[in-house]
Amino acid sequence: MTEHSSDLVKTVAKLLIDKKLLLVTAESCTGGLIAATCTELAGSSQWFDRGFVTYSNQAKQDMLGVPAHIIEKYGAVSQQVVEAMARGAYIASGGNNHIAVSVSGIAGPDGGTPDKPVGTVWIGLFDGKASHSRLLQLSGSRSEIRTATLNDVLGSMLVSWLSRK
């Protein structure tokens, strides 16, 4: 875990504890990196509930209830899919006092297309009432893309959302 990631996790932890919320993650291209980084912090069981690693499309359907027709129509790396992943993780966790974040993207070095090049990542959040999502266009190695995604989810998505609530 980088120092920056560690600082972000501490901020997220404090905000979640203050708001009496638990975090749920649904990860594809990050492969559990967000959950692993969160649980590096001692005492994370106070604010981290569970994580889903749904790397395959079938896992997204089976574990999170993402409808196959959404994946077929928009692709796994899409706003519609990350919003469905976050909603599915929220529901699977029982929902009460939870917030769910999700990630689906192309970390590379291959797998990109002209429409969705390597570094295309969608991140989502579901708070029980509304979905929020963002498109990231990242560059770098596979590891750099995954780390940048982690930091964006923790900082730009979670810290920003929790600070406004």
N, C-alpha and C. Protein backbone atom coordinates (compact mmCIF):
# COMPACT_ATOMS: atom_id res chain seq x y z
N MET A 1 0.85 -1.17 0.00
CA MET A 1 0.00 0.00 0.00
C MET A 1 0.90 1.24 0.00
N THR A 2 0.59 2.19 -0.88
CA THR A 2 1.36 3.43 -0.92
C THR A 2 0.95 4.32 0.25
N GLU A 3 1.78 5.29 0.55
CA GLU A 3 1.47 6.23 1.63
C GLU A 3 0.18 7.00 1.30
N HIS A 4 0.04 7.36 0.03
CA HIS A 4 -1.17 8.08 -0.40
C HIS A 4 -2.42 7.22 -0.18
N SER A 5 -2.35 5.94 -0.59
CA SER A 5 -3.48 5.03 -0.39
C SER A 5 -3.79 4.85 1.09
N SER A 6 -2.75 4.73 1.90
CA SER A 6 -2.92 4.57 3.34
C SER A 6 -3.64 5.77 3.94
N ASP A 7 -3.23 6.97 3.54
CA ASP A 7 -3.88 8.19 4.03
C ASP A 7 -5.35 8.24 3.61
N LEU A 8 -5.63 7.84 2.36
CA LEU A 8 -7.01 7.84 1.87
C LEU A 8 -7.87 6.84 2.65
N VAL A 9 -7.32 5.66 2.92
CA VAL A 9 -8.07 4.65 3.68
C VAL A 9 -8.39 5.17 5.08
N LYS A 10 -7.44 5.82 5.72
CA LYS A 10 -7.69 6.37 7.05
C LYS A 10 -8.80 7.42 7.01
N THR A 11 -8.80 8.24 5.98
CA THR A 11 -9.85 9.25 5.84
C THR A 11 -11.20 8.59 5.60
N VAL A 12 -11.25 7.61 4.69
CA VAL A 12 -12.49 6.88 4.42
C VAL A 12 -12.99 6.21 5.70
N ALA A 13 -12.10 5.56 6.42
CA ALA A 13 -12.48 4.87 7.66
C ALA A 13 -13.13 5.84 8.65
N LYS A 14 -12.49 6.98 8.86
CA LYS A 14 -13.03 7.96 9.81
C LYS A 14 -14.41 8.44 9.36
N LEU A 15 -14.56 8.74 8.09
CA LEU A 15 -15.86 9.22 7.59
C LEU A 15 -16.94 8.14 7.72
N LEU A 16 -16.60 6.90 7.39
CA LEU A 16 -17.59 5.82 7.51
C LEU A 16 -17.99 5.60 8.97
N ILE A 17 -17.02 5.60 9.86
CA ILE A 17 -17.32 5.42 11.29
C ILE A 17 -18.20 6.56 11.79
N ASP A 18 -17.84 7.79 11.43
CA ASP A 18 -18.62 8.95 11.86
C ASP A 18 -20.06 8.88 11.37
N LYS A 19 -20.25 8.34 10.17
CA LYS A 19 -21.59 8.27 9.58
C LYS A 19 -22.29 6.93 9.86
N LYS A 20 -21.61 6.07 10.61
CA LYS A 20 -22.15 4.76 10.98
C LYS A 20 -22.54 3.95 9.74
N LEU A 21 -21.63 3.93 8.77
CA LEU A 21 -21.83 3.19 7.53
C LEU A 21 -20.78 2.10 7.39
N LEU A 22 -21.13 1.06 6.65
CA LEU A 22 -20.21 -0.03 6.32
C LEU A 22 -19.95 -0.02 4.82
N LEU A 23 -18.72 -0.31 4.42
CA LEU A 23 -18.34 -0.33 3.02
C LEU A 23 -18.41 -1.74 2.45
N VAL A 24 -18.91 -1.82 1.23
CA VAL A 24 -18.94 -3.06 0.45
C VAL A 24 -18.26 -2.76 -0.87
N THR A 25 -17.42 -3.68 -1.37
CA THR A 25 -16.77 -3.48 -2.66
C THR A 25 -17.19 -4.56 -3.65
N ALA A 26 -17.28 -4.17 -4.91
CA ALA A 26 -17.52 -5.10 -6.02
C ALA A 26 -16.47 -4.77 -7.07
N GLU A 27 -15.50 -5.66 -7.24
CA GLU A 27 -14.34 -5.36 -8.07
C GLU A 27 -14.16 -6.34 -9.22
N SER A 28 -13.81 -5.77 -10.35
CA SER A 28 -13.44 -6.58 -11.50
C SER A 28 -11.95 -6.36 -11.79
N CYS A 29 -11.59 -5.31 -12.50
CA CYS A 29 -10.20 -5.13 -12.92
C CYS A 29 -9.21 -4.95 -11.78
N THR A 30 -9.67 -4.54 -10.62
CA THR A 30 -8.78 -4.38 -9.48
C THR A 30 -8.62 -5.68 -8.69
N GLY A 31 -9.42 -6.68 -8.98
CA GLY A 31 -9.24 -8.01 -8.42
C GLY A 31 -9.15 -8.10 -6.91
N GLY A 32 -9.83 -7.24 -6.19
CA GLY A 32 -9.82 -7.27 -4.74
C GLY A 32 -8.83 -6.29 -4.11
N LEU A 33 -8.15 -5.49 -4.93
CA LEU A 33 -7.16 -4.54 -4.43
C LEU A 33 -7.78 -3.52 -3.48
N ILE A 34 -8.98 -3.06 -3.78
CA ILE A 34 -9.63 -2.07 -2.91
C ILE A 34 -9.92 -2.69 -1.55
N ALA A 35 -10.53 -3.88 -1.56
CA ALA A 35 -10.84 -4.56 -0.29
C ALA A 35 -9.56 -4.87 0.48
N ALA A 36 -8.53 -5.34 -0.21
CA ALA A 36 -7.27 -5.67 0.47
C ALA A 36 -6.63 -4.43 1.08
N THR A 37 -6.68 -3.32 0.37
CA THR A 37 -6.10 -2.08 0.88
C THR A 37 -6.87 -1.58 2.09
N CYS A 38 -8.19 -1.66 2.02
CA CYS A 38 -9.01 -1.24 3.15
C CYS A 38 -8.73 -2.08 4.39
N THR A 39 -8.59 -3.37 4.22
CA THR A 39 -8.41 -4.25 5.38
C THR A 39 -6.97 -4.31 5.86
N GLU A 40 -6.06 -3.59 5.20
CA GLU A 40 -4.70 -3.42 5.73
C GLU A 40 -4.72 -2.60 7.01
N LEU A 41 -5.72 -1.74 7.13
CA LEU A 41 -5.83 -0.86 8.29
C LEU A 41 -6.41 -1.64 9.47
N ALA A 42 -5.70 -1.67 10.56
CA ALA A 42 -6.19 -2.35 11.76
C ALA A 42 -7.52 -1.74 12.19
N GLY A 43 -8.44 -2.58 12.60
CA GLY A 43 -9.75 -2.11 13.03
C GLY A 43 -10.74 -1.92 11.90
N SER A 44 -10.38 -2.37 10.72
CA SER A 44 -11.25 -2.15 9.56
C SER A 44 -12.60 -2.87 9.68
N SER A 45 -12.72 -3.84 10.56
CA SER A 45 -14.01 -4.52 10.72
C SER A 45 -15.08 -3.58 11.28
N GLN A 46 -14.68 -2.42 11.80
CA GLN A 46 -15.65 -1.43 12.27
C GLN A 46 -16.39 -0.76 11.12
N TRP A 47 -15.80 -0.75 9.93
CA TRP A 47 -16.37 0.02 8.81
C TRP A 47 -16.35 -0.71 7.47
N PHE A 48 -15.65 -1.84 7.38
CA PHE A 48 -15.61 -2.62 6.13
C PHE A 48 -16.39 -3.90 6.33
N ASP A 49 -17.40 -4.14 5.49
CA ASP A 49 -18.26 -5.32 5.65
C ASP A 49 -17.81 -6.50 4.80
N ARG A 50 -17.68 -6.29 3.49
CA ARG A 50 -17.35 -7.41 2.60
C ARG A 50 -16.93 -6.90 1.23
N GLY A 51 -16.30 -7.82 0.48
CA GLY A 51 -15.89 -7.51 -0.88
C GLY A 51 -16.23 -8.66 -1.81
N PHE A 52 -16.62 -8.30 -3.01
CA PHE A 52 -16.90 -9.27 -4.07
C PHE A 52 -15.88 -9.06 -5.18
N VAL A 53 -15.19 -10.13 -5.58
CA VAL A 53 -14.33 -10.07 -6.75
C VAL A 53 -15.08 -10.79 -7.85
N THR A 54 -15.55 -10.01 -8.81
CA THR A 54 -16.37 -10.55 -9.90
C THR A 54 -15.67 -10.24 -11.22
N TYR A 55 -14.61 -10.98 -11.45
CA TYR A 55 -13.76 -10.73 -12.61
C TYR A 55 -14.44 -11.13 -13.91
N SER A 56 -15.13 -12.25 -13.91
CA SER A 56 -15.81 -12.70 -15.13
C SER A 56 -17.22 -12.13 -15.21
N ASN A 57 -17.74 -12.11 -16.42
CA ASN A 57 -19.13 -11.66 -16.61
C ASN A 57 -20.10 -12.57 -15.87
N GLN A 58 -19.80 -13.87 -15.87
CA GLN A 58 -20.67 -14.82 -15.17
C GLN A 58 -20.70 -14.54 -13.67
N ALA A 59 -19.54 -14.20 -13.11
CA ALA A 59 -19.48 -13.87 -11.68
C ALA A 59 -20.30 -12.62 -11.39
N LYS A 60 -20.26 -11.65 -12.28
CA LYS A 60 -21.06 -10.43 -12.09
C LYS A 60 -22.54 -10.80 -12.04
N GLN A 61 -22.94 -11.72 -12.89
CA GLN A 61 -24.34 -12.16 -12.91
C GLN A 61 -24.68 -12.99 -11.67
N ASP A 62 -23.85 -13.97 -11.37
CA ASP A 62 -24.13 -14.90 -10.28
C ASP A 62 -24.08 -14.24 -8.90
N MET A 63 -23.06 -13.45 -8.64
CA MET A 63 -22.83 -12.91 -7.31
C MET A 63 -23.53 -11.57 -7.05
N LEU A 64 -23.71 -10.79 -8.13
CA LEU A 64 -24.24 -9.43 -7.96
C LEU A 64 -25.57 -9.21 -8.66
N GLY A 65 -26.02 -10.22 -9.41
CA GLY A 65 -27.30 -10.09 -10.09
C GLY A 65 -27.29 -9.13 -11.27
N VAL A 66 -26.11 -8.88 -11.85
CA VAL A 66 -26.06 -8.01 -13.03
C VAL A 66 -26.75 -8.75 -14.18
N PRO A 67 -27.78 -8.17 -14.77
CA PRO A 67 -28.49 -8.84 -15.86
C PRO A 67 -27.59 -9.06 -17.08
N ALA A 68 -27.65 -10.26 -17.64
CA ALA A 68 -26.83 -10.61 -18.81
C ALA A 68 -27.08 -9.65 -19.97
N HIS A 69 -28.33 -9.21 -20.13
CA HIS A 69 -28.62 -8.33 -21.28
C HIS A 69 -27.93 -6.97 -21.16
N ILE A 70 -27.67 -6.52 -19.94
CA ILE A 70 -26.95 -5.26 -19.76
C ILE A 70 -25.48 -5.44 -20.17
N ILE A 71 -24.89 -6.55 -19.76
CA ILE A 71 -23.51 -6.83 -20.15
C ILE A 71 -23.41 -6.98 -21.66
N GLU A 72 -24.34 -7.71 -22.26
CA GLU A 72 -24.33 -7.92 -23.71
C GLU A 72 -24.51 -6.61 -24.47
N LYS A 73 -25.40 -5.76 -24.00
CA LYS A 73 -25.70 -4.52 -24.72
C LYS A 73 -24.59 -3.47 -24.57
N TYR A 74 -24.07 -3.29 -23.36
CA TYR A 74 -23.13 -2.21 -23.08
C TYR A 74 -21.68 -2.65 -22.88
N GLY A 75 -21.47 -3.93 -22.62
CA GLY A 75 -20.14 -4.44 -22.31
C GLY A 75 -19.87 -4.37 -20.82
N ALA A 76 -18.95 -5.21 -20.37
CA ALA A 76 -18.64 -5.27 -18.94
C ALA A 76 -18.03 -3.97 -18.43
N VAL A 77 -17.35 -3.26 -19.29
CA VAL A 77 -16.73 -1.98 -18.91
C VAL A 77 -17.66 -0.87 -19.38
N SER A 78 -18.63 -0.56 -18.53
CA SER A 78 -19.64 0.44 -18.89
C SER A 78 -20.27 1.03 -17.63
N GLN A 79 -20.84 2.19 -17.80
CA GLN A 79 -21.55 2.85 -16.71
C GLN A 79 -22.68 1.96 -16.20
N GLN A 80 -23.43 1.37 -17.12
CA GLN A 80 -24.58 0.55 -16.74
C GLN A 80 -24.17 -0.65 -15.89
N VAL A 81 -23.06 -1.27 -16.25
CA VAL A 81 -22.61 -2.45 -15.51
C VAL A 81 -22.07 -2.07 -14.13
N VAL A 82 -21.24 -1.01 -14.03
CA VAL A 82 -20.73 -0.67 -12.68
C VAL A 82 -21.86 -0.21 -11.76
N GLU A 83 -22.86 0.45 -12.31
CA GLU A 83 -23.99 0.84 -11.46
C GLU A 83 -24.77 -0.39 -11.02
N ALA A 84 -24.94 -1.36 -11.90
CA ALA A 84 -25.62 -2.61 -11.53
C ALA A 84 -24.78 -3.41 -10.53
N MET A 85 -23.46 -3.39 -10.69
CA MET A 85 -22.57 -4.09 -9.74
C MET A 85 -22.69 -3.47 -8.36
N ALA A 86 -22.64 -2.16 -8.27
CA ALA A 86 -22.72 -1.50 -6.96
C ALA A 86 -24.07 -1.77 -6.30
N ARG A 87 -25.14 -1.68 -7.09
CA ARG A 87 -26.47 -1.96 -6.56
C ARG A 87 -26.57 -3.41 -6.09
N GLY A 88 -26.04 -4.33 -6.89
CA GLY A 88 -26.06 -5.75 -6.52
C GLY A 88 -25.27 -6.05 -5.27
N ALA A 89 -24.12 -5.40 -5.11
CA ALA A 89 -23.31 -5.60 -3.90
C ALA A 89 -24.03 -5.05 -2.68
N TYR A 90 -24.66 -3.91 -2.85
CA TYR A 90 -25.44 -3.30 -1.77
C TYR A 90 -26.55 -4.25 -1.32
N ILE A 91 -27.29 -4.77 -2.28
CA ILE A 91 -28.40 -5.68 -1.98
C ILE A 91 -27.89 -6.97 -1.33
N ALA A 92 -26.81 -7.54 -1.89
CA ALA A 92 -26.27 -8.80 -1.37
C ALA A 92 -25.75 -8.64 0.06
N SER A 93 -25.37 -7.42 0.43
CA SER A 93 -24.84 -7.18 1.78
C SER A 93 -25.94 -6.94 2.81
N GLY A 94 -27.16 -6.87 2.36
CA GLY A 94 -28.26 -6.59 3.27
C GLY A 94 -28.66 -5.13 3.25
N GLY A 95 -27.79 -4.31 2.68
CA GLY A 95 -28.12 -2.92 2.41
C GLY A 95 -28.16 -1.95 3.57
N ASN A 96 -28.71 -2.31 4.68
CA ASN A 96 -28.91 -1.35 5.77
C ASN A 96 -27.58 -0.80 6.25
N ASN A 97 -27.45 0.52 6.24
CA ASN A 97 -26.24 1.22 6.70
C ASN A 97 -24.98 0.84 5.90
N HIS A 98 -25.18 0.52 4.63
CA HIS A 98 -24.06 0.18 3.76
C HIS A 98 -23.92 1.20 2.64
N ILE A 99 -22.73 1.25 2.09
CA ILE A 99 -22.45 1.97 0.86
C ILE A 99 -21.59 1.03 0.02
N ALA A 100 -21.90 0.92 -1.26
CA ALA A 100 -21.18 -0.02 -2.12
C ALA A 100 -20.46 0.73 -3.24
N VAL A 101 -19.22 0.32 -3.49
CA VAL A 101 -18.47 0.84 -4.62
C VAL A 101 -18.14 -0.30 -5.56
N SER A 102 -18.02 0.04 -6.84
CA SER A 102 -17.74 -0.98 -7.86
C SER A 102 -16.74 -0.45 -8.87
N VAL A 103 -16.06 -1.40 -9.52
CA VAL A 103 -15.03 -1.08 -10.51
C VAL A 103 -15.06 -2.11 -11.63
N SER A 104 -15.01 -1.64 -12.87
CA SER A 104 -14.84 -2.51 -14.02
C SER A 104 -14.03 -1.75 -15.07
N GLY A 105 -12.98 -2.37 -15.57
CA GLY A 105 -12.14 -1.66 -16.52
C GLY A 105 -11.19 -2.56 -17.26
N ILE A 106 -10.33 -1.93 -18.04
CA ILE A 106 -9.32 -2.63 -18.83
C ILE A 106 -7.96 -2.17 -18.35
N ALA A 107 -7.32 -3.00 -17.54
CA ALA A 107 -6.04 -2.63 -16.94
C ALA A 107 -4.86 -2.93 -17.85
N GLY A 108 -5.06 -3.73 -18.89
CA GLY A 108 -3.99 -4.01 -19.85
C GLY A 108 -3.07 -5.13 -19.41
N PRO A 109 -2.03 -5.36 -20.13
CA PRO A 109 -1.57 -4.53 -21.23
C PRO A 109 -2.34 -4.72 -22.54
N ASP A 110 -3.17 -5.75 -22.60
CA ASP A 110 -3.99 -5.91 -23.80
C ASP A 110 -5.45 -5.94 -23.40
N GLY A 111 -6.33 -6.20 -24.35
CA GLY A 111 -7.75 -6.26 -24.07
C GLY A 111 -8.50 -5.00 -24.47
N GLY A 112 -7.78 -3.96 -24.81
CA GLY A 112 -8.43 -2.72 -25.21
C GLY A 112 -8.94 -2.78 -26.64
N THR A 113 -9.85 -1.88 -26.95
CA THR A 113 -10.39 -1.72 -28.30
C THR A 113 -10.33 -0.23 -28.63
N PRO A 114 -10.58 0.13 -29.90
CA PRO A 114 -10.61 1.56 -30.22
C PRO A 114 -11.65 2.33 -29.39
N ASP A 115 -12.80 1.72 -29.11
CA ASP A 115 -13.83 2.38 -28.31
C ASP A 115 -13.52 2.38 -26.82
N LYS A 116 -12.84 1.34 -26.37
CA LYS A 116 -12.50 1.20 -24.95
C LYS A 116 -11.03 0.78 -24.85
N PRO A 117 -10.13 1.77 -24.95
CA PRO A 117 -8.70 1.42 -24.89
C PRO A 117 -8.27 1.01 -23.49
N VAL A 118 -7.09 0.39 -23.41
CA VAL A 118 -6.49 0.07 -22.11
C VAL A 118 -6.48 1.35 -21.29
N GLY A 119 -6.87 1.24 -20.04
CA GLY A 119 -6.95 2.38 -19.15
C GLY A 119 -8.36 2.92 -18.98
N THR A 120 -9.31 2.37 -19.75
CA THR A 120 -10.72 2.74 -19.59
C THR A 120 -11.25 2.02 -18.36
N VAL A 121 -11.71 2.79 -17.38
CA VAL A 121 -12.22 2.21 -16.13
C VAL A 121 -13.47 2.98 -15.72
N TRP A 122 -14.51 2.24 -15.39
CA TRP A 122 -15.72 2.83 -14.81
C TRP A 122 -15.73 2.49 -13.33
N ILE A 123 -16.05 3.49 -12.50
CA ILE A 123 -16.22 3.26 -11.07
C ILE A 123 -17.64 3.68 -10.70
N GLY A 124 -18.23 2.96 -9.76
CA GLY A 124 -19.60 3.25 -9.36
C GLY A 124 -19.77 3.25 -7.85
N LEU A 125 -20.87 3.82 -7.42
CA LEU A 125 -21.22 3.88 -6.01
C LEU A 125 -22.73 3.80 -5.91
N PHE A 126 -23.22 3.03 -4.95
CA PHE A 126 -24.65 2.98 -4.68
C PHE A 126 -24.83 3.14 -3.18
N ASP A 127 -25.70 4.08 -2.79
CA ASP A 127 -25.90 4.40 -1.38
C ASP A 127 -27.27 3.97 -0.85
N GLY A 128 -27.99 3.18 -1.62
CA GLY A 128 -29.32 2.76 -1.21
C GLY A 128 -30.42 3.58 -1.83
N LYS A 129 -30.06 4.74 -2.34
CA LYS A 129 -31.03 5.64 -2.96
C LYS A 129 -30.69 5.95 -4.41
N ALA A 130 -29.42 6.18 -4.67
CA ALA A 130 -29.01 6.61 -6.00
C ALA A 130 -27.68 5.99 -6.39
N SER A 131 -27.49 5.86 -7.69
CA SER A 131 -26.21 5.41 -8.25
C SER A 131 -25.41 6.62 -8.70
N HIS A 132 -24.12 6.52 -8.51
CA HIS A 132 -23.19 7.54 -8.96
C HIS A 132 -22.08 6.81 -9.70
N SER A 133 -21.61 7.36 -10.81
CA SER A 133 -20.54 6.70 -11.55
C SER A 133 -19.65 7.72 -12.24
N ARG A 134 -18.45 7.25 -12.56
CA ARG A 134 -17.47 8.09 -13.25
C ARG A 134 -16.66 7.25 -14.21
N LEU A 135 -16.29 7.86 -15.31
CA LEU A 135 -15.40 7.24 -16.27
C LEU A 135 -13.99 7.77 -16.05
N LEU A 136 -13.04 6.85 -15.96
CA LEU A 136 -11.63 7.22 -15.86
C LEU A 136 -10.94 6.79 -17.15
N GLN A 137 -10.06 7.61 -17.64
CA GLN A 137 -9.20 7.27 -18.77
C GLN A 137 -7.77 7.37 -18.27
N LEU A 138 -7.21 6.22 -17.90
CA LEU A 138 -5.90 6.18 -17.24
C LEU A 138 -4.83 5.68 -18.20
N SER A 139 -3.60 5.94 -17.84
CA SER A 139 -2.48 5.42 -18.64
C SER A 139 -1.45 4.83 -17.69
N GLY A 140 -0.56 4.06 -18.28
CA GLY A 140 0.50 3.45 -17.48
C GLY A 140 0.46 1.94 -17.59
N SER A 141 1.25 1.31 -16.73
CA SER A 141 1.30 -0.15 -16.69
C SER A 141 0.02 -0.69 -16.04
N ARG A 142 -0.16 -1.98 -16.10
CA ARG A 142 -1.30 -2.63 -15.45
C ARG A 142 -1.34 -2.26 -13.96
N SER A 143 -0.21 -2.35 -13.30
CA SER A 143 -0.14 -2.02 -11.88
C SER A 143 -0.48 -0.55 -11.63
N GLU A 144 0.03 0.33 -12.47
CA GLU A 144 -0.25 1.76 -12.31
C GLU A 144 -1.73 2.08 -12.53
N ILE A 145 -2.35 1.42 -13.48
CA ILE A 145 -3.78 1.64 -13.74
C ILE A 145 -4.61 1.14 -12.56
N ARG A 146 -4.26 -0.02 -12.03
CA ARG A 146 -5.00 -0.55 -10.88
C ARG A 146 -4.82 0.33 -9.64
N THR A 147 -3.60 0.82 -9.40
CA THR A 147 -3.35 1.69 -8.26
C THR A 147 -4.06 3.03 -8.42
N ALA A 148 -4.03 3.59 -9.63
CA ALA A 148 -4.73 4.86 -9.87
C ALA A 148 -6.24 4.67 -9.67
N THR A 149 -6.77 3.53 -10.07
CA THR A 149 -8.19 3.23 -9.87
C THR A 149 -8.50 3.16 -8.38
N LEU A 150 -7.69 2.45 -7.64
CA LEU A 150 -7.84 2.35 -6.18
C LEU A 150 -7.89 3.74 -5.56
N ASN A 151 -6.93 4.58 -5.89
CA ASN A 151 -6.86 5.91 -5.30
C ASN A 151 -8.04 6.78 -5.71
N ASP A 152 -8.52 6.63 -6.93
CA ASP A 152 -9.67 7.41 -7.38
C ASP A 152 -10.94 6.96 -6.65
N VAL A 153 -11.10 5.65 -6.48
CA VAL A 153 -12.27 5.15 -5.75
C VAL A 153 -12.24 5.66 -4.31
N LEU A 154 -11.10 5.55 -3.66
CA LEU A 154 -11.00 5.99 -2.27
C LEU A 154 -11.15 7.50 -2.13
N GLY A 155 -10.46 8.24 -2.96
CA GLY A 155 -10.44 9.69 -2.83
C GLY A 155 -11.57 10.39 -3.55
N SER A 156 -11.51 10.38 -4.86
CA SER A 156 -12.50 11.14 -5.64
C SER A 156 -13.92 10.63 -5.46
N MET A 157 -14.08 9.33 -5.29
CA MET A 157 -15.43 8.79 -5.15
C MET A 157 -15.87 8.77 -3.68
N LEU A 158 -15.19 8.01 -2.84
CA LEU A 158 -15.66 7.81 -1.47
C LEU A 158 -15.48 9.05 -0.58
N VAL A 159 -14.29 9.60 -0.52
CA VAL A 159 -14.07 10.75 0.35
C VAL A 159 -14.98 11.91 -0.08
N SER A 160 -15.07 12.14 -1.38
CA SER A 160 -15.94 13.23 -1.86
C SER A 160 -17.39 12.99 -1.49
N TRP A 161 -17.90 11.77 -1.75
CA TRP A 161 -19.30 11.47 -1.47
C TRP A 161 -19.57 11.54 0.04
N LEU A 162 -18.71 10.92 0.83
CA LEU A 162 -18.93 10.89 2.28
C LEU A 162 -18.81 12.28 2.90
N SER A 163 -17.97 13.12 2.36
CA SER A 163 -17.80 14.48 2.89
C SER A 163 -19.03 15.34 2.63
N ARG A 164 -19.77 15.02 1.59
CA ARG A 164 -20.98 15.79 1.27
C ARG A 164 -22.20 15.32 2.05
N LYS A 165 -22.16 14.13 2.61
CA LYS A 165 -23.33 13.56 3.29
C LYS A 165 -23.36 13.94 4.75
